[in-house]
Amino acid sequence: MNIKQQRPNKAYIWANIDFDKVKNRIDAVTCQIERVIQKHHLLNQTGKLGKRNN
């Protein structure tokens, strides 16, 4: 009886992830997004929507 070992269908990659660093980065990006949204709302309220200063 010759039984061949089957290879798994999926490959798993193990990585060391520093979740504190990931959380800090997510918080920083979230803060930036909130600032953009607030700026957009402020511009929308003042009627300057669509006008950009380059």
C-alpha atoms as a PDB file:
ATOM      1  CA  MET A   1       0.000   0.000   0.000  1.00  0.00           C
ATOM      2  CA  ASN A   2       1.609   3.204  -1.200  1.00  0.00           C
ATOM      3  CA  ILE A   3      -0.049   6.322   0.232  1.00  0.00           C
ATOM      4  CA  LYS A   4       1.242   9.677  -1.044  1.00  0.00           C
ATOM      5  CA  GLN A   5       1.076  12.694   1.224  1.00  0.00           C
ATOM      6  CA  GLN A   6      -1.178  15.356  -0.170  1.00  0.00           C
ATOM      7  CA  ARG A   7       0.043  18.926  -0.206  1.00  0.00           C
ATOM      8  CA  PRO A   8      -2.204  21.443   1.529  1.00  0.00           C
ATOM      9  CA  ASN A   9      -4.219  23.776  -0.702  1.00  0.00           C
ATOM     10  CA  LYS A  10      -3.334  26.861   1.301  1.00  0.00           C
ATOM     11  CA  ALA A  11      -0.020  28.367   2.298  1.00  0.00           C
ATOM     12  CA  TYR A  12       0.243  30.089   5.642  1.00  0.00           C
ATOM     13  CA  ILE A  13       2.670  32.892   6.346  1.00  0.00           C
ATOM     14  CA  TRP A  14       3.578  33.567   9.941  1.00  0.00           C
ATOM     15  CA  ALA A  15       4.705  37.073  10.691  1.00  0.00           C
ATOM     16  CA  ASN A  16       5.431  39.004  13.817  1.00  0.00           C
ATOM     17  CA  ILE A  17       3.070  41.944  13.900  1.00  0.00           C
ATOM     18  CA  ASP A  18       3.385  44.697  16.454  1.00  0.00           C
ATOM     19  CA  PHE A  19      -0.291  45.474  16.940  1.00  0.00           C
ATOM     20  CA  ASP A  20       0.480  48.573  19.000  1.00  0.00           C
ATOM     21  CA  LYS A  21       2.333  50.096  16.035  1.00  0.00           C
ATOM     22  CA  VAL A  22      -0.504  49.124  13.705  1.00  0.00           C
ATOM     23  CA  LYS A  23      -3.077  50.678  16.058  1.00  0.00           C
ATOM     24  CA  ASN A  24      -1.023  53.873  16.366  1.00  0.00           C
ATOM     25  CA  ARG A  25      -0.761  54.151  12.572  1.00  0.00           C
ATOM     26  CA  ILE A  26      -4.494  53.556  12.133  1.00  0.00           C
ATOM     27  CA  ASP A  27      -5.213  56.231  14.755  1.00  0.00           C
ATOM     28  CA  ALA A  28      -2.912  58.696  12.970  1.00  0.00           C
ATOM     29  CA  VAL A  29      -4.556  58.083   9.591  1.00  0.00           C
ATOM     30  CA  THR A  30      -8.025  58.310  11.153  1.00  0.00           C
ATOM     31  CA  CYS A  31      -7.083  61.668  12.666  1.00  0.00           C
ATOM     32  CA  GLN A  32      -5.919  62.932   9.269  1.00  0.00           C
ATOM     33  CA  ILE A  33      -9.158  61.783   7.645  1.00  0.00           C
ATOM     34  CA  GLU A  34     -11.202  63.532  10.334  1.00  0.00           C
ATOM     35  CA  ARG A  35      -9.270  66.771   9.709  1.00  0.00           C
ATOM     36  CA  VAL A  36      -9.982  66.570   5.977  1.00  0.00           C
ATOM     37  CA  ILE A  37     -13.670  65.967   6.655  1.00  0.00           C
ATOM     38  CA  GLN A  38     -13.827  68.897   9.083  1.00  0.00           C
ATOM     39  CA  LYS A  39     -12.065  71.148   6.589  1.00  0.00           C
ATOM     40  CA  HIS A  40     -14.481  70.059   3.879  1.00  0.00           C
ATOM     41  CA  HIS A  41     -17.478  70.811   6.108  1.00  0.00           C
ATOM     42  CA  LEU A  42     -16.016  74.198   7.017  1.00  0.00           C
ATOM     43  CA  LEU A  43     -15.465  75.079   3.358  1.00  0.00           C
ATOM     44  CA  ASN A  44     -18.950  73.846   2.524  1.00  0.00           C
ATOM     45  CA  GLN A  45     -20.481  76.076   5.207  1.00  0.00           C
ATOM     46  CA  THR A  46     -18.602  79.167   4.048  1.00  0.00           C
ATOM     47  CA  GLY A  47     -19.597  78.651   0.426  1.00  0.00           C
ATOM     48  CA  LYS A  48     -16.062  78.084  -0.827  1.00  0.00           C
ATOM     49  CA  LEU A  49     -16.709  74.548  -2.009  1.00  0.00           C
ATOM     50  CA  GLY A  50     -15.047  73.850  -5.325  1.00  0.00           C
ATOM     51  CA  LYS A  51     -12.524  76.676  -5.055  1.00  0.00           C
ATOM     52  CA  ARG A  52      -8.963  75.594  -4.411  1.00  0.00           C
ATOM     53  CA  ASN A  53      -5.872  77.597  -3.582  1.00  0.00           C
ATOM     54  CA  ASN A  54      -2.898  76.166  -5.408  1.00  0.00           C
END
